[in-house]
Amino acid sequence: PASVFPSQKPKSELVRTSLRLLTSSAYRLQSECRKALPAEPGPAPDIQLVTQQVIQCAYDIAKAAKQLVTITTKENNN
């Protein structure tokens, strides 16, 4: 997201909100995927729960991306 809006804070609150959702969801997705890797000692991860969390993160990423496309398309057409 930072490379799409380089060195400049987006003026639109909707863009900032969408970027925050996109970034936080990407970090959450990375964290959830790491949980799926079995740790050597300790209990195995609950794969069903991890899968649900990964699906939710992917949904949030897609939602934020769609919001950004919609916002930037509208701004470019005005």
PDB file of N, CA and C in Angstrom:
ATOM      1  N   PRO A   1       0.808  -1.204   0.000  1.00  0.00           N
ATOM      2  CA  PRO A   1       0.000   0.000   0.000  1.00  0.00           C
ATOM      3  C   PRO A   1       0.847   1.263   0.000  1.00  0.00           C
ATOM      4  N   ALA A   2       1.974   1.223   0.682  1.00  0.00           N
ATOM      5  CA  ALA A   2       2.805   2.420   0.767  1.00  0.00           C
ATOM      6  C   ALA A   2       3.343   2.805  -0.609  1.00  0.00           C
ATOM      7  N   SER A   3       3.625   1.827  -1.468  1.00  0.00           N
ATOM      8  CA  SER A   3       4.161   2.147  -2.782  1.00  0.00           C
ATOM      9  C   SER A   3       3.088   2.729  -3.704  1.00  0.00           C
ATOM     10  N   VAL A   4       1.836   2.481  -3.420  1.00  0.00           N
ATOM     11  CA  VAL A   4       0.753   3.048  -4.218  1.00  0.00           C
ATOM     12  C   VAL A   4       0.569   4.519  -3.891  1.00  0.00           C
ATOM     13  N   PHE A   5       0.816   4.886  -2.642  1.00  0.00           N
ATOM     14  CA  PHE A   5       0.677   6.261  -2.182  1.00  0.00           C
ATOM     15  C   PHE A   5       2.011   6.712  -1.581  1.00  0.00           C
ATOM     16  N   PRO A   6       3.049   6.895  -2.423  1.00  0.00           N
ATOM     17  CA  PRO A   6       4.387   7.165  -1.898  1.00  0.00           C
ATOM     18  C   PRO A   6       4.518   8.511  -1.201  1.00  0.00           C
ATOM     19  N   SER A   7       5.208   8.484  -0.088  1.00  0.00           N
ATOM     20  CA  SER A   7       5.628   9.650   0.706  1.00  0.00           C
ATOM     21  C   SER A   7       4.589  10.760   0.828  1.00  0.00           C
ATOM     22  N   GLN A   8       3.364  10.414   0.772  1.00  0.00           N
ATOM     23  CA  GLN A   8       2.330  11.427   0.879  1.00  0.00           C
ATOM     24  C   GLN A   8       1.146  10.801   1.595  1.00  0.00           C
ATOM     25  N   LYS A   9       0.676  11.468   2.589  1.00  0.00           N
ATOM     26  CA  LYS A   9      -0.489  10.972   3.329  1.00  0.00           C
ATOM     27  C   LYS A   9      -1.730  11.236   2.485  1.00  0.00           C
ATOM     28  N   PRO A  10      -2.496  10.195   2.195  1.00  0.00           N
ATOM     29  CA  PRO A  10      -3.700  10.406   1.396  1.00  0.00           C
ATOM     30  C   PRO A  10      -4.637  11.405   2.075  1.00  0.00           C
ATOM     31  N   LYS A  11      -5.233  12.263   1.276  1.00  0.00           N
ATOM     32  CA  LYS A  11      -6.112  13.285   1.820  1.00  0.00           C
ATOM     33  C   LYS A  11      -7.459  12.717   2.238  1.00  0.00           C
ATOM     34  N   SER A  12      -7.903  11.728   1.522  1.00  0.00           N
ATOM     35  CA  SER A  12      -9.220  11.156   1.773  1.00  0.00           C
ATOM     36  C   SER A  12      -9.199  10.237   2.993  1.00  0.00           C
ATOM     37  N   GLU A  13     -10.129  10.463   3.900  1.00  0.00           N
ATOM     38  CA  GLU A  13     -10.253   9.593   5.076  1.00  0.00           C
ATOM     39  C   GLU A  13     -10.632   8.179   4.648  1.00  0.00           C
ATOM     40  N   LEU A  14     -11.446   8.059   3.597  1.00  0.00           N
ATOM     41  CA  LEU A  14     -11.825   6.734   3.090  1.00  0.00           C
ATOM     42  C   LEU A  14     -10.604   5.973   2.588  1.00  0.00           C
ATOM     43  N   VAL A  15      -9.707   6.659   1.922  1.00  0.00           N
ATOM     44  CA  VAL A  15      -8.477   6.013   1.443  1.00  0.00           C
ATOM     45  C   VAL A  15      -7.624   5.585   2.625  1.00  0.00           C
ATOM     46  N   ARG A  16      -7.461   6.459   3.605  1.00  0.00           N
ATOM     47  CA  ARG A  16      -6.656   6.107   4.791  1.00  0.00           C
ATOM     48  C   ARG A  16      -7.253   4.906   5.516  1.00  0.00           C
ATOM     49  N   THR A  17      -8.580   4.896   5.661  1.00  0.00           N
ATOM     50  CA  THR A  17      -9.250   3.782   6.335  1.00  0.00           C
ATOM     51  C   THR A  17      -9.046   2.482   5.559  1.00  0.00           C
ATOM     52  N   SER A  18      -9.200   2.548   4.257  1.00  0.00           N
ATOM     53  CA  SER A  18      -9.017   1.353   3.427  1.00  0.00           C
ATOM     54  C   SER A  18      -7.580   0.852   3.481  1.00  0.00           C
ATOM     55  N   LEU A  19      -6.626   1.782   3.458  1.00  0.00           N
ATOM     56  CA  LEU A  19      -5.218   1.385   3.557  1.00  0.00           C
ATOM     57  C   LEU A  19      -4.905   0.733   4.897  1.00  0.00           C
ATOM     58  N   ARG A  20      -5.495   1.282   5.963  1.00  0.00           N
ATOM     59  CA  ARG A  20      -5.279   0.677   7.293  1.00  0.00           C
ATOM     60  C   ARG A  20      -5.845  -0.738   7.325  1.00  0.00           C
ATOM     61  N   LEU A  21      -7.057  -0.923   6.767  1.00  0.00           N
ATOM     62  CA  LEU A  21      -7.665  -2.255   6.734  1.00  0.00           C
ATOM     63  C   LEU A  21      -6.812  -3.202   5.898  1.00  0.00           C
ATOM     64  N   LEU A  22      -6.344  -2.735   4.758  1.00  0.00           N
ATOM     65  CA  LEU A  22      -5.521  -3.566   3.889  1.00  0.00           C
ATOM     66  C   LEU A  22      -4.228  -3.986   4.590  1.00  0.00           C
ATOM     67  N   THR A  23      -3.567  -3.040   5.207  1.00  0.00           N
ATOM     68  CA  THR A  23      -2.298  -3.323   5.881  1.00  0.00           C
ATOM     69  C   THR A  23      -2.485  -4.230   7.090  1.00  0.00           C
ATOM     70  N   SER A  24      -3.457  -3.911   7.934  1.00  0.00           N
ATOM     71  CA  SER A  24      -3.662  -4.730   9.136  1.00  0.00           C
ATOM     72  C   SER A  24      -4.101  -6.139   8.767  1.00  0.00           C
ATOM     73  N   SER A  25      -4.922  -6.264   7.735  1.00  0.00           N
ATOM     74  CA  SER A  25      -5.376  -7.597   7.311  1.00  0.00           C
ATOM     75  C   SER A  25      -4.234  -8.412   6.735  1.00  0.00           C
ATOM     76  N   ALA A  26      -3.321  -7.758   6.021  1.00  0.00           N
ATOM     77  CA  ALA A  26      -2.157  -8.461   5.479  1.00  0.00           C
ATOM     78  C   ALA A  26      -1.260  -8.975   6.607  1.00  0.00           C
ATOM     79  N   TYR A  27      -1.057  -8.150   7.629  1.00  0.00           N
ATOM     80  CA  TYR A  27      -0.266  -8.598   8.783  1.00  0.00           C
ATOM     81  C   TYR A  27      -0.961  -9.749   9.517  1.00  0.00           C
ATOM     82  N   ARG A  28      -2.287  -9.637   9.667  1.00  0.00           N
ATOM     83  CA  ARG A  28      -3.037 -10.715  10.317  1.00  0.00           C
ATOM     84  C   ARG A  28      -2.954 -12.004   9.508  1.00  0.00           C
ATOM     85  N   LEU A  29      -3.047 -11.888   8.187  1.00  0.00           N
ATOM     86  CA  LEU A  29      -2.961 -13.062   7.319  1.00  0.00           C
ATOM     87  C   LEU A  29      -1.609 -13.743   7.491  1.00  0.00           C
ATOM     88  N   GLN A  30      -0.552 -12.955   7.511  1.00  0.00           N
ATOM     89  CA  GLN A  30       0.783 -13.509   7.705  1.00  0.00           C
ATOM     90  C   GLN A  30       0.874 -14.233   9.047  1.00  0.00           C
ATOM     91  N   SER A  31       0.330 -13.626  10.081  1.00  0.00           N
ATOM     92  CA  SER A  31       0.363 -14.227  11.415  1.00  0.00           C
ATOM     93  C   SER A  31      -0.426 -15.528  11.459  1.00  0.00           C
ATOM     94  N   GLU A  32      -1.609 -15.525  10.845  1.00  0.00           N
ATOM     95  CA  GLU A  32      -2.444 -16.733  10.843  1.00  0.00           C
ATOM     96  C   GLU A  32      -1.776 -17.856  10.061  1.00  0.00           C
ATOM     97  N   CYS A  33      -1.133 -17.518   8.961  1.00  0.00           N
ATOM     98  CA  CYS A  33      -0.444 -18.548   8.175  1.00  0.00           C
ATOM     99  C   CYS A  33       0.712 -19.159   8.952  1.00  0.00           C
ATOM    100  N   ARG A  34       1.390 -18.333   9.745  1.00  0.00           N
ATOM    101  CA  ARG A  34       2.474 -18.869  10.583  1.00  0.00           C
ATOM    102  C   ARG A  34       1.933 -19.847  11.616  1.00  0.00           C
ATOM    103  N   LYS A  35       0.728 -19.589  12.121  1.00  0.00           N
ATOM    104  CA  LYS A  35       0.129 -20.492  13.105  1.00  0.00           C
ATOM    105  C   LYS A  35      -0.130 -21.869  12.517  1.00  0.00           C
ATOM    106  N   ALA A  36      -0.337 -21.935  11.209  1.00  0.00           N
ATOM    107  CA  ALA A  36      -0.624 -23.213  10.562  1.00  0.00           C
ATOM    108  C   ALA A  36       0.594 -24.113  10.523  1.00  0.00           C
ATOM    109  N   LEU A  37       1.780 -23.514  10.630  1.00  0.00           N
ATOM    110  CA  LEU A  37       2.991 -24.325  10.651  1.00  0.00           C
ATOM    111  C   LEU A  37       3.117 -24.989  12.017  1.00  0.00           C
ATOM    112  N   PRO A  38       3.259 -26.283  12.035  1.00  0.00           N
ATOM    113  CA  PRO A  38       3.342 -26.958  13.339  1.00  0.00           C
ATOM    114  C   PRO A  38       4.619 -26.584  14.081  1.00  0.00           C
ATOM    115  N   ALA A  39       4.444 -26.213  15.320  1.00  0.00           N
ATOM    116  CA  ALA A  39       5.597 -25.939  16.179  1.00  0.00           C
ATOM    117  C   ALA A  39       6.169 -27.285  16.605  1.00  0.00           C
ATOM    118  N   GLU A  40       7.458 -27.319  16.758  1.00  0.00           N
ATOM    119  CA  GLU A  40       8.073 -28.597  17.109  1.00  0.00           C
ATOM    120  C   GLU A  40       7.555 -29.132  18.439  1.00  0.00           C
ATOM    121  N   PRO A  41       7.772 -28.422  19.528  1.00  0.00           N
ATOM    122  CA  PRO A  41       7.147 -28.905  20.757  1.00  0.00           C
ATOM    123  C   PRO A  41       5.790 -28.221  20.924  1.00  0.00           C
ATOM    124  N   GLY A  42       4.882 -28.880  21.544  1.00  0.00           N
ATOM    125  CA  GLY A  42       3.595 -28.245  21.823  1.00  0.00           C
ATOM    126  C   GLY A  42       2.470 -28.830  20.985  1.00  0.00           C
ATOM    127  N   PRO A  43       1.265 -28.377  21.300  1.00  0.00           N
ATOM    128  CA  PRO A  43       0.088 -28.925  20.618  1.00  0.00           C
ATOM    129  C   PRO A  43      -0.004 -28.449  19.164  1.00  0.00           C
ATOM    130  N   ALA A  44      -0.635 -29.272  18.357  1.00  0.00           N
ATOM    131  CA  ALA A  44      -0.857 -28.911  16.950  1.00  0.00           C
ATOM    132  C   ALA A  44      -1.881 -27.788  16.882  1.00  0.00           C
ATOM    133  N   PRO A  45      -1.766 -26.936  15.897  1.00  0.00           N
ATOM    134  CA  PRO A  45      -2.732 -25.838  15.766  1.00  0.00           C
ATOM    135  C   PRO A  45      -4.119 -26.359  15.382  1.00  0.00           C
ATOM    136  N   ASP A  46      -5.127 -25.623  15.742  1.00  0.00           N
ATOM    137  CA  ASP A  46      -6.496 -25.937  15.340  1.00  0.00           C
ATOM    138  C   ASP A  46      -6.656 -25.460  13.895  1.00  0.00           C
ATOM    139  N   ILE A  47      -6.470 -26.380  12.965  1.00  0.00           N
ATOM    140  CA  ILE A  47      -6.441 -26.024  11.548  1.00  0.00           C
ATOM    141  C   ILE A  47      -7.773 -25.430  11.094  1.00  0.00           C
ATOM    142  N   GLN A  48      -8.876 -25.901  11.630  1.00  0.00           N
ATOM    143  CA  GLN A  48     -10.174 -25.347  11.231  1.00  0.00           C
ATOM    144  C   GLN A  48     -10.280 -23.874  11.641  1.00  0.00           C
ATOM    145  N   LEU A  49      -9.841 -23.556  12.840  1.00  0.00           N
ATOM    146  CA  LEU A  49      -9.870 -22.168  13.305  1.00  0.00           C
ATOM    147  C   LEU A  49      -8.919 -21.305  12.482  1.00  0.00           C
ATOM    148  N   VAL A  50      -7.716 -21.803  12.242  1.00  0.00           N
ATOM    149  CA  VAL A  50      -6.743 -21.052  11.447  1.00  0.00           C
ATOM    150  C   VAL A  50      -7.298 -20.817  10.044  1.00  0.00           C
ATOM    151  N   THR A  51      -7.923 -21.827   9.462  1.00  0.00           N
ATOM    152  CA  THR A  51      -8.508 -21.684   8.129  1.00  0.00           C
ATOM    153  C   THR A  51      -9.582 -20.615   8.112  1.00  0.00           C
ATOM    154  N   GLN A  52     -10.437 -20.594   9.124  1.00  0.00           N
ATOM    155  CA  GLN A  52     -11.483 -19.564   9.208  1.00  0.00           C
ATOM    156  C   GLN A  52     -10.869 -18.170   9.310  1.00  0.00           C
ATOM    157  N   GLN A  53      -9.806 -18.052  10.090  1.00  0.00           N
ATOM    158  CA  GLN A  53      -9.144 -16.757  10.244  1.00  0.00           C
ATOM    159  C   GLN A  53      -8.478 -16.315   8.938  1.00  0.00           C
ATOM    160  N   VAL A  54      -7.869 -17.254   8.219  1.00  0.00           N
ATOM    161  CA  VAL A  54      -7.236 -16.945   6.935  1.00  0.00           C
ATOM    162  C   VAL A  54      -8.294 -16.478   5.941  1.00  0.00           C
ATOM    163  N   ILE A  55      -9.429 -17.153   5.912  1.00  0.00           N
ATOM    164  CA  ILE A  55     -10.520 -16.758   5.015  1.00  0.00           C
ATOM    165  C   ILE A  55     -11.001 -15.354   5.364  1.00  0.00           C
ATOM    166  N   GLN A  56     -11.147 -15.052   6.643  1.00  0.00           N
ATOM    167  CA  GLN A  56     -11.585 -13.714   7.059  1.00  0.00           C
ATOM    168  C   GLN A  56     -10.569 -12.658   6.659  1.00  0.00           C
ATOM    169  N   CYS A  57      -9.289 -12.933   6.852  1.00  0.00           N
ATOM    170  CA  CYS A  57      -8.243 -11.983   6.464  1.00  0.00           C
ATOM    171  C   CYS A  57      -8.270 -11.744   4.952  1.00  0.00           C
ATOM    172  N   ALA A  58      -8.404 -12.826   4.185  1.00  0.00           N
ATOM    173  CA  ALA A  58      -8.446 -12.695   2.732  1.00  0.00           C
ATOM    174  C   ALA A  58      -9.657 -11.867   2.306  1.00  0.00           C
ATOM    175  N   TYR A  59     -10.778 -12.078   2.958  1.00  0.00           N
ATOM    176  CA  TYR A  59     -11.983 -11.287   2.672  1.00  0.00           C
ATOM    177  C   TYR A  59     -11.729  -9.808   2.969  1.00  0.00           C
ATOM    178  N   ASP A  60     -11.125  -9.519   4.120  1.00  0.00           N
ATOM    179  CA  ASP A  60     -10.847  -8.129   4.495  1.00  0.00           C
ATOM    180  C   ASP A  60      -9.878  -7.466   3.517  1.00  0.00           C
ATOM    181  N   ILE A  61      -8.891  -8.220   3.033  1.00  0.00           N
ATOM    182  CA  ILE A  61      -7.950  -7.688   2.050  1.00  0.00           C
ATOM    183  C   ILE A  61      -8.687  -7.363   0.751  1.00  0.00           C
ATOM    184  N   ALA A  62      -9.525  -8.285   0.302  1.00  0.00           N
ATOM    185  CA  ALA A  62     -10.285  -8.050  -0.926  1.00  0.00           C
ATOM    186  C   ALA A  62     -11.224  -6.857  -0.771  1.00  0.00           C
ATOM    187  N   LYS A  63     -11.853  -6.750   0.385  1.00  0.00           N
ATOM    188  CA  LYS A  63     -12.772  -5.628   0.648  1.00  0.00           C
ATOM    189  C   LYS A  63     -12.024  -4.297   0.596  1.00  0.00           C
ATOM    190  N   ALA A  64     -10.875  -4.232   1.244  1.00  0.00           N
ATOM    191  CA  ALA A  64     -10.089  -2.999   1.261  1.00  0.00           C
ATOM    192  C   ALA A  64      -9.596  -2.662  -0.143  1.00  0.00           C
ATOM    193  N   ALA A  65      -9.155  -3.657  -0.884  1.00  0.00           N
ATOM    194  CA  ALA A  65      -8.682  -3.418  -2.250  1.00  0.00           C
ATOM    195  C   ALA A  65      -9.823  -2.891  -3.122  1.00  0.00           C
ATOM    196  N   LYS A  66     -10.994  -3.471  -2.973  1.00  0.00           N
ATOM    197  CA  LYS A  66     -12.151  -3.014  -3.743  1.00  0.00           C
ATOM    198  C   LYS A  66     -12.495  -1.567  -3.381  1.00  0.00           C
ATOM    199  N   GLN A  67     -12.443  -1.246  -2.100  1.00  0.00           N
ATOM    200  CA  GLN A  67     -12.724   0.124  -1.661  1.00  0.00           C
ATOM    201  C   GLN A  67     -11.730   1.099  -2.295  1.00  0.00           C
ATOM    202  N   LEU A  68     -10.451   0.728  -2.299  1.00  0.00           N
ATOM    203  CA  LEU A  68      -9.427   1.596  -2.878  1.00  0.00           C
ATOM    204  C   LEU A  68      -9.633   1.789  -4.379  1.00  0.00           C
ATOM    205  N   VAL A  69      -9.958   0.712  -5.079  1.00  0.00           N
ATOM    206  CA  VAL A  69     -10.207   0.820  -6.517  1.00  0.00           C
ATOM    207  C   VAL A  69     -11.413   1.717  -6.773  1.00  0.00           C
ATOM    208  N   THR A  70     -12.472   1.530  -6.017  1.00  0.00           N
ATOM    209  CA  THR A  70     -13.681   2.331  -6.186  1.00  0.00           C
ATOM    210  C   THR A  70     -13.394   3.811  -5.919  1.00  0.00           C
ATOM    211  N   ILE A  71     -12.693   4.084  -4.837  1.00  0.00           N
ATOM    212  CA  ILE A  71     -12.390   5.472  -4.459  1.00  0.00           C
ATOM    213  C   ILE A  71     -11.494   6.132  -5.501  1.00  0.00           C
ATOM    214  N   THR A  72     -10.412   5.466  -5.882  1.00  0.00           N
ATOM    215  CA  THR A  72      -9.476   6.075  -6.829  1.00  0.00           C
ATOM    216  C   THR A  72     -10.103   6.218  -8.215  1.00  0.00           C
ATOM    217  N   THR A  73     -10.964   5.295  -8.606  1.00  0.00           N
ATOM    218  CA  THR A  73     -11.656   5.413  -9.885  1.00  0.00           C
ATOM    219  C   THR A  73     -12.570   6.635  -9.883  1.00  0.00           C
ATOM    220  N   LYS A  74     -13.298   6.818  -8.792  1.00  0.00           N
ATOM    221  CA  LYS A  74     -14.179   7.985  -8.687  1.00  0.00           C
ATOM    222  C   LYS A  74     -13.373   9.276  -8.704  1.00  0.00           C
ATOM    223  N   GLU A  75     -12.254   9.300  -7.963  1.00  0.00           N
ATOM    224  CA  GLU A  75     -11.424  10.514  -7.906  1.00  0.00           C
ATOM    225  C   GLU A  75     -10.821  10.823  -9.276  1.00  0.00           C
ATOM    226  N   ASN A  76     -10.419   9.800 -10.004  1.00  0.00           N
ATOM    227  CA  ASN A  76      -9.803  10.019 -11.323  1.00  0.00           C
ATOM    228  C   ASN A  76     -10.824  10.448 -12.372  1.00  0.00           C
ATOM    229  N   ASN A  77     -12.086  10.091 -12.174  1.00  0.00           N
ATOM    230  CA  ASN A  77     -13.130  10.463 -13.117  1.00  0.00           C
ATOM    231  C   ASN A  77     -13.689  11.856 -12.849  1.00  0.00           C
ATOM    232  N   ASN A  78     -13.344  12.442 -11.718  1.00  0.00           N
ATOM    233  CA  ASN A  78     -13.848  13.793 -11.391  1.00  0.00           C
ATOM    234  C   ASN A  78     -12.910  14.869 -11.836  1.00  0.00           C
TER     235      ASN A  78
END
